[in-house]
Amino acid sequence: MGTAGSLGESLVIEQLNKTYRVSTGDVPALQEINLTIGEREFVSIVGSSGCGKSTLLRIIAGLENGYAGTVKLGDRRIAGPGLDRGMVFQEHRLIPWLTVEQNVAFGLNGRAPGENERLVREHLELVGLSSFAKAHPHQLSGGMAQRVAIARALVNQPKLLLLDEPFGALDALTKIQMQQEILRIWEAERTTMVLVTHDIDEAIYLGDRVVIMSSRPGTVKKIMAVDLTRPRDRSSYEFIQIRKGIYAEFFAEAEKPFAYAI
């Protein structure tokens, strides 16, 4: 099992198995997942397409059920969506007819109006978009729209932020800028973050650890610690060695026969 430092509000996954029932029979998606992610840790998850990365994230978010095993945040078992978890998807999913500030405020409830306004204002400041509060999504660039999505996911002050390929649709330069931005937000908020990505450099640049998943059924094949100081130099010898180690795991996987298309 992967372990990390603080266990106060750790995400603990034990003996997780997920199977999909399709017309041709049962298809195992995740098998014997055991993973602990410590409070305030940033963990990246990589794996081939179809290995169950996004399914794992959806289970943690409470958006997917019908699995065997245990998924807990702190001492609470995850049984559905909750305000203690926020999620950012590859598409920003902003509501087009609402302004930026209205989109950020959309998930807030049960608070006094003044408290809502304060939280929205603080989180727009956090992502550097205070001056775009009255703008609509069509007036934003792709990177700006994703920053609004991040503010919306964080406005309820969740203990855990889940990132499902959040920068996959962005151009290369904007992607690098957004990686730096999410790292700045993580360092400011110290929210536990779990990132699913196909981009190995992104996984190393952001993560304290990189979880490498096997092809379907997805298992935790290896966990690599990223013992590099921040900010990280993608061209450094140490960074390149970690990248080579992850690629070696993928190449070894590619040489094996598999039962399911990925």
C-alpha atoms as a PDB file:
ATOM      1  CA  MET A   1       0.000   0.000   0.000  1.00  0.00           C
ATOM      2  CA  GLY A   2       1.217   3.512  -0.793  1.00  0.00           C
ATOM      3  CA  THR A   3       1.602   5.584   2.344  1.00  0.00           C
ATOM      4  CA  ALA A   4       2.180   9.213   3.147  1.00  0.00           C
ATOM      5  CA  GLY A   5       2.879  11.423   6.147  1.00  0.00           C
ATOM      6  CA  SER A   6      -0.163  12.864   7.937  1.00  0.00           C
ATOM      7  CA  LEU A   7      -3.112  10.523   8.447  1.00  0.00           C
ATOM      8  CA  GLY A   8      -5.495  13.119   9.944  1.00  0.00           C
ATOM      9  CA  GLU A   9      -7.585  13.620   6.786  1.00  0.00           C
ATOM     10  CA  SER A  10      -5.916  11.019   4.597  1.00  0.00           C
ATOM     11  CA  LEU A  11      -7.680   9.422   1.669  1.00  0.00           C
ATOM     12  CA  VAL A  12      -7.548   5.684   2.306  1.00  0.00           C
ATOM     13  CA  ILE A  13      -8.470   3.173  -0.409  1.00  0.00           C
ATOM     14  CA  GLU A  14      -8.473  -0.496   0.549  1.00  0.00           C
ATOM     15  CA  GLN A  15      -9.148  -3.564  -1.565  1.00  0.00           C
ATOM     16  CA  LEU A  16     -11.037  -1.567  -4.182  1.00  0.00           C
ATOM     17  CA  ASN A  17     -12.505  -3.562  -7.059  1.00  0.00           C
ATOM     18  CA  LYS A  18     -14.829  -2.263  -9.759  1.00  0.00           C
ATOM     19  CA  THR A  19     -16.490  -4.312 -12.500  1.00  0.00           C
ATOM     20  CA  TYR A  20     -18.746  -3.092 -15.312  1.00  0.00           C
ATOM     21  CA  ARG A  21     -21.530  -5.302 -16.600  1.00  0.00           C
ATOM     22  CA  VAL A  22     -21.854  -5.103 -20.391  1.00  0.00           C
ATOM     23  CA  SER A  23     -23.775  -7.121 -22.952  1.00  0.00           C
ATOM     24  CA  THR A  24     -20.887  -9.525 -23.452  1.00  0.00           C
ATOM     25  CA  GLY A  25     -20.365 -10.128 -19.716  1.00  0.00           C
ATOM     26  CA  ASP A  26     -18.505  -8.599 -16.786  1.00  0.00           C
ATOM     27  CA  VAL A  27     -15.495  -6.390 -17.528  1.00  0.00           C
ATOM     28  CA  PRO A  28     -13.152  -5.717 -14.594  1.00  0.00           C
ATOM     29  CA  ALA A  29     -12.092  -2.050 -14.501  1.00  0.00           C
ATOM     30  CA  LEU A  30     -10.164  -1.816 -11.199  1.00  0.00           C
ATOM     31  CA  GLN A  31      -8.601  -4.641  -9.226  1.00  0.00           C
ATOM     32  CA  GLU A  32      -7.202  -4.697  -5.697  1.00  0.00           C
ATOM     33  CA  ILE A  33      -6.457  -0.972  -5.439  1.00  0.00           C
ATOM     34  CA  ASN A  34      -4.743  -0.108  -2.141  1.00  0.00           C
ATOM     35  CA  LEU A  35      -3.569   3.459  -1.752  1.00  0.00           C
ATOM     36  CA  THR A  36      -3.204   6.037   1.000  1.00  0.00           C
ATOM     37  CA  ILE A  37      -2.867   9.722   0.149  1.00  0.00           C
ATOM     38  CA  GLY A  38      -1.813  11.909   3.049  1.00  0.00           C
ATOM     39  CA  GLU A  39      -3.291  15.220   4.082  1.00  0.00           C
ATOM     40  CA  ARG A  40      -1.962  18.131   1.937  1.00  0.00           C
ATOM     41  CA  GLU A  41      -0.184  15.713  -0.412  1.00  0.00           C
ATOM     42  CA  PHE A  42      -0.213  16.181  -4.206  1.00  0.00           C
ATOM     43  CA  VAL A  43      -0.413  12.801  -5.963  1.00  0.00           C
ATOM     44  CA  SER A  44      -0.387  12.226  -9.722  1.00  0.00           C
ATOM     45  CA  ILE A  45      -1.917   9.121 -11.317  1.00  0.00           C
ATOM     46  CA  VAL A  46      -0.771   7.976 -14.760  1.00  0.00           C
ATOM     47  CA  GLY A  47      -1.649   4.986 -16.912  1.00  0.00           C
ATOM     48  CA  SER A  48      -2.671   3.970 -20.405  1.00  0.00           C
ATOM     49  CA  SER A  49      -6.078   4.903 -21.819  1.00  0.00           C
ATOM     50  CA  GLY A  50      -8.818   2.712 -20.415  1.00  0.00           C
ATOM     51  CA  CYS A  51      -6.861   1.610 -17.329  1.00  0.00           C
ATOM     52  CA  GLY A  52      -9.470   2.998 -14.925  1.00  0.00           C
ATOM     53  CA  LYS A  53      -7.788   6.259 -13.817  1.00  0.00           C
ATOM     54  CA  SER A  54     -10.891   8.365 -14.295  1.00  0.00           C
ATOM     55  CA  THR A  55     -13.099   5.630 -12.830  1.00  0.00           C
ATOM     56  CA  LEU A  56     -10.945   5.691  -9.701  1.00  0.00           C
ATOM     57  CA  LEU A  57     -11.276   9.472  -9.481  1.00  0.00           C
ATOM     58  CA  ARG A  58     -15.054   9.279  -9.931  1.00  0.00           C
ATOM     59  CA  ILE A  59     -15.298   6.720  -7.126  1.00  0.00           C
ATOM     60  CA  ILE A  60     -13.325   9.043  -4.830  1.00  0.00           C
ATOM     61  CA  ALA A  61     -15.626  11.907  -5.852  1.00  0.00           C
ATOM     62  CA  GLY A  62     -18.672   9.791  -4.999  1.00  0.00           C
ATOM     63  CA  LEU A  63     -19.924   9.880  -8.597  1.00  0.00           C
ATOM     64  CA  GLU A  64     -19.492   6.151  -9.159  1.00  0.00           C
ATOM     65  CA  ASN A  65     -20.786   3.316  -7.006  1.00  0.00           C
ATOM     66  CA  GLY A  66     -21.298  -0.421  -7.320  1.00  0.00           C
ATOM     67  CA  TYR A  67     -17.753  -1.279  -6.237  1.00  0.00           C
ATOM     68  CA  ALA A  68     -16.237  -3.577  -3.641  1.00  0.00           C
ATOM     69  CA  GLY A  69     -13.813  -2.329  -1.027  1.00  0.00           C
ATOM     70  CA  THR A  70     -13.461   0.764   1.126  1.00  0.00           C
ATOM     71  CA  VAL A  71     -12.818   4.402   0.234  1.00  0.00           C
ATOM     72  CA  LYS A  72     -12.523   6.800   3.186  1.00  0.00           C
ATOM     73  CA  LEU A  73     -11.576  10.437   3.665  1.00  0.00           C
ATOM     74  CA  GLY A  74     -10.419  10.758   7.243  1.00  0.00           C
ATOM     75  CA  ASP A  75     -12.759   8.579   9.297  1.00  0.00           C
ATOM     76  CA  ARG A  76     -15.711   8.991   6.915  1.00  0.00           C
ATOM     77  CA  ARG A  77     -16.562   6.424   4.295  1.00  0.00           C
ATOM     78  CA  ILE A  78     -17.300   7.969   0.891  1.00  0.00           C
ATOM     79  CA  ALA A  79     -20.813   7.019  -0.152  1.00  0.00           C
ATOM     80  CA  GLY A  80     -21.683   9.816  -2.578  1.00  0.00           C
ATOM     81  CA  PRO A  81     -20.773  13.378  -3.561  1.00  0.00           C
ATOM     82  CA  GLY A  82     -19.899  15.758  -0.736  1.00  0.00           C
ATOM     83  CA  LEU A  83     -18.646  19.285  -0.112  1.00  0.00           C
ATOM     84  CA  ASP A  84     -15.449  17.848   1.371  1.00  0.00           C
ATOM     85  CA  ARG A  85     -14.396  16.988  -2.214  1.00  0.00           C
ATOM     86  CA  GLY A  86     -14.140  19.219  -5.261  1.00  0.00           C
ATOM     87  CA  MET A  87     -13.569  18.095  -8.842  1.00  0.00           C
ATOM     88  CA  VAL A  88     -12.204  19.731 -11.990  1.00  0.00           C
ATOM     89  CA  PHE A  89     -12.777  18.025 -15.356  1.00  0.00           C
ATOM     90  CA  GLN A  90     -10.990  18.336 -18.705  1.00  0.00           C
ATOM     91  CA  GLU A  91     -13.809  20.594 -19.934  1.00  0.00           C
ATOM     92  CA  HIS A  92     -14.482  23.573 -17.698  1.00  0.00           C
ATOM     93  CA  ARG A  93     -18.253  22.885 -17.646  1.00  0.00           C
ATOM     94  CA  LEU A  94     -19.112  26.489 -16.833  1.00  0.00           C
ATOM     95  CA  ILE A  95     -22.751  27.512 -17.232  1.00  0.00           C
ATOM     96  CA  PRO A  96     -22.688  29.802 -20.297  1.00  0.00           C
ATOM     97  CA  TRP A  97     -25.472  32.202 -19.281  1.00  0.00           C
ATOM     98  CA  LEU A  98     -23.970  32.867 -15.817  1.00  0.00           C
ATOM     99  CA  THR A  99     -21.181  35.321 -15.112  1.00  0.00           C
ATOM    100  CA  VAL A 100     -17.822  34.195 -13.744  1.00  0.00           C
ATOM    101  CA  GLU A 101     -18.796  35.119 -10.174  1.00  0.00           C
ATOM    102  CA  GLN A 102     -22.179  33.392 -10.553  1.00  0.00           C
ATOM    103  CA  ASN A 103     -20.479  30.231 -11.826  1.00  0.00           C
ATOM    104  CA  VAL A 104     -18.125  30.200  -8.838  1.00  0.00           C
ATOM    105  CA  ALA A 105     -21.040  30.788  -6.452  1.00  0.00           C
ATOM    106  CA  PHE A 106     -23.241  28.144  -8.097  1.00  0.00           C
ATOM    107  CA  GLY A 107     -22.280  25.318  -5.724  1.00  0.00           C
ATOM    108  CA  LEU A 108     -22.524  27.369  -2.548  1.00  0.00           C
ATOM    109  CA  ASN A 109     -25.507  26.794  -0.296  1.00  0.00           C
ATOM    110  CA  GLY A 110     -26.493  27.066   3.333  1.00  0.00           C
ATOM    111  CA  ARG A 111     -24.414  30.199   3.928  1.00  0.00           C
ATOM    112  CA  ALA A 112     -25.339  33.806   4.575  1.00  0.00           C
ATOM    113  CA  PRO A 113     -25.291  35.988   1.417  1.00  0.00           C
ATOM    114  CA  GLY A 114     -22.391  38.043   2.758  1.00  0.00           C
ATOM    115  CA  GLU A 115     -20.379  34.864   3.375  1.00  0.00           C
ATOM    116  CA  ASN A 116     -21.043  33.684  -0.188  1.00  0.00           C
ATOM    117  CA  GLU A 117     -19.830  36.987  -1.607  1.00  0.00           C
ATOM    118  CA  ARG A 118     -16.683  36.876   0.508  1.00  0.00           C
ATOM    119  CA  LEU A 119     -15.827  33.311  -0.552  1.00  0.00           C
ATOM    120  CA  VAL A 120     -16.418  34.051  -4.237  1.00  0.00           C
ATOM    121  CA  ARG A 121     -14.304  37.205  -4.037  1.00  0.00           C
ATOM    122  CA  GLU A 122     -11.461  35.407  -2.233  1.00  0.00           C
ATOM    123  CA  HIS A 123     -11.392  32.526  -4.702  1.00  0.00           C
ATOM    124  CA  LEU A 124     -11.468  34.771  -7.756  1.00  0.00           C
ATOM    125  CA  GLU A 125      -8.496  36.579  -6.207  1.00  0.00           C
ATOM    126  CA  LEU A 126      -6.834  33.201  -5.643  1.00  0.00           C
ATOM    127  CA  VAL A 127      -7.018  32.334  -9.355  1.00  0.00           C
ATOM    128  CA  GLY A 128      -6.228  35.884 -10.484  1.00  0.00           C
ATOM    129  CA  LEU A 129      -9.590  36.645 -12.108  1.00  0.00           C
ATOM    130  CA  SER A 130     -11.121  39.341  -9.878  1.00  0.00           C
ATOM    131  CA  SER A 131     -11.337  41.749 -12.812  1.00  0.00           C
ATOM    132  CA  PHE A 132     -13.362  39.188 -14.827  1.00  0.00           C
ATOM    133  CA  ALA A 133     -16.068  38.652 -12.193  1.00  0.00           C
ATOM    134  CA  LYS A 134     -18.810  40.079 -14.446  1.00  0.00           C
ATOM    135  CA  ALA A 135     -17.587  38.370 -17.639  1.00  0.00           C
ATOM    136  CA  HIS A 136     -19.332  35.381 -19.235  1.00  0.00           C
ATOM    137  CA  PRO A 137     -17.568  32.112 -20.179  1.00  0.00           C
ATOM    138  CA  HIS A 138     -17.494  32.919 -23.924  1.00  0.00           C
ATOM    139  CA  GLN A 139     -15.380  35.984 -23.104  1.00  0.00           C
ATOM    140  CA  LEU A 140     -12.634  33.886 -21.483  1.00  0.00           C
ATOM    141  CA  SER A 141      -9.672  31.995 -22.910  1.00  0.00           C
ATOM    142  CA  GLY A 142      -9.438  28.246 -22.292  1.00  0.00           C
ATOM    143  CA  GLY A 143      -6.940  28.708 -19.487  1.00  0.00           C
ATOM    144  CA  MET A 144      -9.041  31.407 -17.819  1.00  0.00           C
ATOM    145  CA  ALA A 145     -12.153  29.210 -18.006  1.00  0.00           C
ATOM    146  CA  GLN A 146     -10.253  26.387 -16.280  1.00  0.00           C
ATOM    147  CA  ARG A 147      -9.142  28.805 -13.560  1.00  0.00           C
ATOM    148  CA  VAL A 148     -12.805  29.657 -12.973  1.00  0.00           C
ATOM    149  CA  ALA A 149     -13.557  25.920 -12.772  1.00  0.00           C
ATOM    150  CA  ILE A 150     -10.787  25.531 -10.179  1.00  0.00           C
ATOM    151  CA  ALA A 151     -12.175  28.468  -8.151  1.00  0.00           C
ATOM    152  CA  ARG A 152     -15.648  26.884  -8.290  1.00  0.00           C
ATOM    153  CA  ALA A 153     -14.262  23.545  -7.094  1.00  0.00           C
ATOM    154  CA  LEU A 154     -12.402  25.218  -4.216  1.00  0.00           C
ATOM    155  CA  VAL A 155     -15.031  27.732  -3.084  1.00  0.00           C
ATOM    156  CA  ASN A 156     -16.606  25.277  -0.626  1.00  0.00           C
ATOM    157  CA  GLN A 157     -13.135  24.816   0.889  1.00  0.00           C
ATOM    158  CA  PRO A 158     -12.955  21.043   0.271  1.00  0.00           C
ATOM    159  CA  LYS A 159     -10.371  18.867   1.970  1.00  0.00           C
ATOM    160  CA  LEU A 160      -9.625  17.117  -1.335  1.00  0.00           C
ATOM    161  CA  LEU A 161      -9.433  18.452  -4.904  1.00  0.00           C
ATOM    162  CA  LEU A 162      -9.689  15.912  -7.734  1.00  0.00           C
ATOM    163  CA  LEU A 163      -8.268  16.892 -11.129  1.00  0.00           C
ATOM    164  CA  ASP A 164      -9.291  14.752 -14.119  1.00  0.00           C
ATOM    165  CA  GLU A 165      -7.023  15.723 -17.062  1.00  0.00           C
ATOM    166  CA  PRO A 166      -7.777  19.387 -16.300  1.00  0.00           C
ATOM    167  CA  PHE A 167      -5.273  20.796 -18.802  1.00  0.00           C
ATOM    168  CA  GLY A 168      -5.589  18.158 -21.531  1.00  0.00           C
ATOM    169  CA  ALA A 169      -7.529  20.405 -23.921  1.00  0.00           C
ATOM    170  CA  LEU A 170      -5.157  23.376 -23.618  1.00  0.00           C
ATOM    171  CA  ASP A 171      -2.313  24.337 -25.940  1.00  0.00           C
ATOM    172  CA  ALA A 172       1.231  23.505 -24.815  1.00  0.00           C
ATOM    173  CA  LEU A 173       2.159  26.966 -23.491  1.00  0.00           C
ATOM    174  CA  THR A 174      -1.144  27.482 -21.657  1.00  0.00           C
ATOM    175  CA  LYS A 175      -0.810  23.990 -20.176  1.00  0.00           C
ATOM    176  CA  ILE A 176       2.587  24.845 -18.657  1.00  0.00           C
ATOM    177  CA  GLN A 177       1.184  28.106 -17.293  1.00  0.00           C
ATOM    178  CA  MET A 178      -1.757  26.251 -15.747  1.00  0.00           C
ATOM    179  CA  GLN A 179       0.556  23.680 -14.176  1.00  0.00           C
ATOM    180  CA  GLN A 180       2.410  26.527 -12.499  1.00  0.00           C
ATOM    181  CA  GLU A 181      -0.918  28.071 -11.485  1.00  0.00           C
ATOM    182  CA  ILE A 182      -2.309  24.914  -9.859  1.00  0.00           C
ATOM    183  CA  LEU A 183       0.969  24.454  -8.001  1.00  0.00           C
ATOM    184  CA  ARG A 184       0.753  28.031  -6.704  1.00  0.00           C
ATOM    185  CA  ILE A 185      -2.852  27.398  -5.580  1.00  0.00           C
ATOM    186  CA  TRP A 186      -1.859  24.139  -3.895  1.00  0.00           C
ATOM    187  CA  GLU A 187       0.960  25.844  -2.023  1.00  0.00           C
ATOM    188  CA  ALA A 188      -1.407  28.659  -0.958  1.00  0.00           C
ATOM    189  CA  GLU A 189      -4.379  26.494   0.037  1.00  0.00           C
ATOM    190  CA  ARG A 190      -2.602  23.285   1.076  1.00  0.00           C
ATOM    191  CA  THR A 191      -5.599  21.302  -0.137  1.00  0.00           C
ATOM    192  CA  THR A 192      -4.890  17.624  -0.803  1.00  0.00           C
ATOM    193  CA  MET A 193      -4.842  17.165  -4.578  1.00  0.00           C
ATOM    194  CA  VAL A 194      -5.123  14.077  -6.787  1.00  0.00           C
ATOM    195  CA  LEU A 195      -4.356  14.536 -10.481  1.00  0.00           C
ATOM    196  CA  VAL A 196      -5.142  12.071 -13.281  1.00  0.00           C
ATOM    197  CA  THR A 197      -3.069  12.791 -16.381  1.00  0.00           C
ATOM    198  CA  HIS A 198      -1.589  11.234 -19.521  1.00  0.00           C
ATOM    199  CA  ASP A 199       1.262  13.737 -19.393  1.00  0.00           C
ATOM    200  CA  ILE A 200       4.194  12.150 -17.568  1.00  0.00           C
ATOM    201  CA  ASP A 201       6.142  15.414 -17.321  1.00  0.00           C
ATOM    202  CA  GLU A 202       3.070  17.049 -15.781  1.00  0.00           C
ATOM    203  CA  ALA A 203       2.745  14.181 -13.285  1.00  0.00           C
ATOM    204  CA  ILE A 204       6.370  14.581 -12.176  1.00  0.00           C
ATOM    205  CA  TYR A 205       6.317  18.383 -12.177  1.00  0.00           C
ATOM    206  CA  LEU A 206       3.282  18.539  -9.877  1.00  0.00           C
ATOM    207  CA  GLY A 207       3.255  15.370  -7.800  1.00  0.00           C
ATOM    208  CA  ASP A 208       4.884  14.421  -4.517  1.00  0.00           C
ATOM    209  CA  ARG A 209       4.375  10.872  -5.777  1.00  0.00           C
ATOM    210  CA  VAL A 210       3.404   9.355  -9.117  1.00  0.00           C
ATOM    211  CA  VAL A 211       1.080   6.344  -9.054  1.00  0.00           C
ATOM    212  CA  ILE A 212       1.570   4.172 -12.158  1.00  0.00           C
ATOM    213  CA  MET A 213      -1.442   2.053 -13.060  1.00  0.00           C
ATOM    214  CA  SER A 214      -1.411  -1.084 -15.172  1.00  0.00           C
ATOM    215  CA  SER A 215      -3.642  -1.574 -18.190  1.00  0.00           C
ATOM    216  CA  ARG A 216      -7.139  -2.942 -17.608  1.00  0.00           C
ATOM    217  CA  PRO A 217      -8.009  -4.170 -15.126  1.00  0.00           C
ATOM    218  CA  GLY A 218      -6.307  -1.229 -13.460  1.00  0.00           C
ATOM    219  CA  THR A 219      -4.026  -2.023 -10.556  1.00  0.00           C
ATOM    220  CA  VAL A 220      -1.419   0.063  -8.767  1.00  0.00           C
ATOM    221  CA  LYS A 221       1.661  -1.199 -10.548  1.00  0.00           C
ATOM    222  CA  LYS A 222       4.221   1.062  -8.907  1.00  0.00           C
ATOM    223  CA  ILE A 223       4.418   4.257  -6.856  1.00  0.00           C
ATOM    224  CA  MET A 224       7.390   6.522  -7.488  1.00  0.00           C
ATOM    225  CA  ALA A 225       8.393   9.230  -5.019  1.00  0.00           C
ATOM    226  CA  VAL A 226       9.357  12.567  -6.562  1.00  0.00           C
ATOM    227  CA  ASP A 227      12.000  13.797  -4.128  1.00  0.00           C
ATOM    228  CA  LEU A 228      12.741  17.019  -5.983  1.00  0.00           C
ATOM    229  CA  THR A 229      12.604  20.544  -4.626  1.00  0.00           C
ATOM    230  CA  ARG A 230      10.162  23.036  -6.133  1.00  0.00           C
ATOM    231  CA  PRO A 231      10.148  24.753  -8.562  1.00  0.00           C
ATOM    232  CA  ARG A 232      11.242  21.734 -10.596  1.00  0.00           C
ATOM    233  CA  ASP A 233      13.532  21.820 -13.597  1.00  0.00           C
ATOM    234  CA  ARG A 234      12.154  19.519 -16.306  1.00  0.00           C
ATOM    235  CA  SER A 235      15.587  19.330 -17.938  1.00  0.00           C
ATOM    236  CA  SER A 236      17.491  18.340 -14.774  1.00  0.00           C
ATOM    237  CA  TYR A 237      19.186  14.955 -14.537  1.00  0.00           C
ATOM    238  CA  GLU A 238      17.007  13.921 -11.572  1.00  0.00           C
ATOM    239  CA  PHE A 239      13.768  14.845 -13.355  1.00  0.00           C
ATOM    240  CA  ILE A 240      14.825  12.962 -16.481  1.00  0.00           C
ATOM    241  CA  GLN A 241      15.732   9.869 -14.444  1.00  0.00           C
ATOM    242  CA  ILE A 242      12.273   9.773 -12.871  1.00  0.00           C
ATOM    243  CA  ARG A 243      10.731  10.204 -16.330  1.00  0.00           C
ATOM    244  CA  LYS A 244      12.835   7.300 -17.656  1.00  0.00           C
ATOM    245  CA  GLY A 245      11.720   5.123 -14.748  1.00  0.00           C
ATOM    246  CA  ILE A 246       8.043   5.789 -15.493  1.00  0.00           C
ATOM    247  CA  TYR A 247       8.498   5.180 -19.217  1.00  0.00           C
ATOM    248  CA  ALA A 248      10.275   1.902 -18.418  1.00  0.00           C
ATOM    249  CA  GLU A 249       7.151   0.753 -16.560  1.00  0.00           C
ATOM    250  CA  PHE A 250       4.992   1.640 -19.572  1.00  0.00           C
ATOM    251  CA  PHE A 251       7.299  -0.099 -22.027  1.00  0.00           C
ATOM    252  CA  ALA A 252       7.335  -3.236 -19.876  1.00  0.00           C
ATOM    253  CA  GLU A 253       3.533  -3.128 -19.806  1.00  0.00           C
ATOM    254  CA  ALA A 254       3.324  -2.697 -23.588  1.00  0.00           C
ATOM    255  CA  GLU A 255       5.336  -5.864 -24.149  1.00  0.00           C
ATOM    256  CA  LYS A 256       2.794  -7.996 -22.295  1.00  0.00           C
ATOM    257  CA  PRO A 257      -0.319  -9.466 -23.952  1.00  0.00           C
ATOM    258  CA  PHE A 258      -3.606  -8.098 -22.622  1.00  0.00           C
ATOM    259  CA  ALA A 259      -7.157  -9.376 -22.633  1.00  0.00           C
ATOM    260  CA  TYR A 260      -9.012  -6.114 -23.160  1.00  0.00           C
ATOM    261  CA  ALA A 261      -8.693  -3.291 -25.651  1.00  0.00           C
ATOM    262  CA  ILE A 262      -7.433  -0.013 -24.238  1.00  0.00           C
END
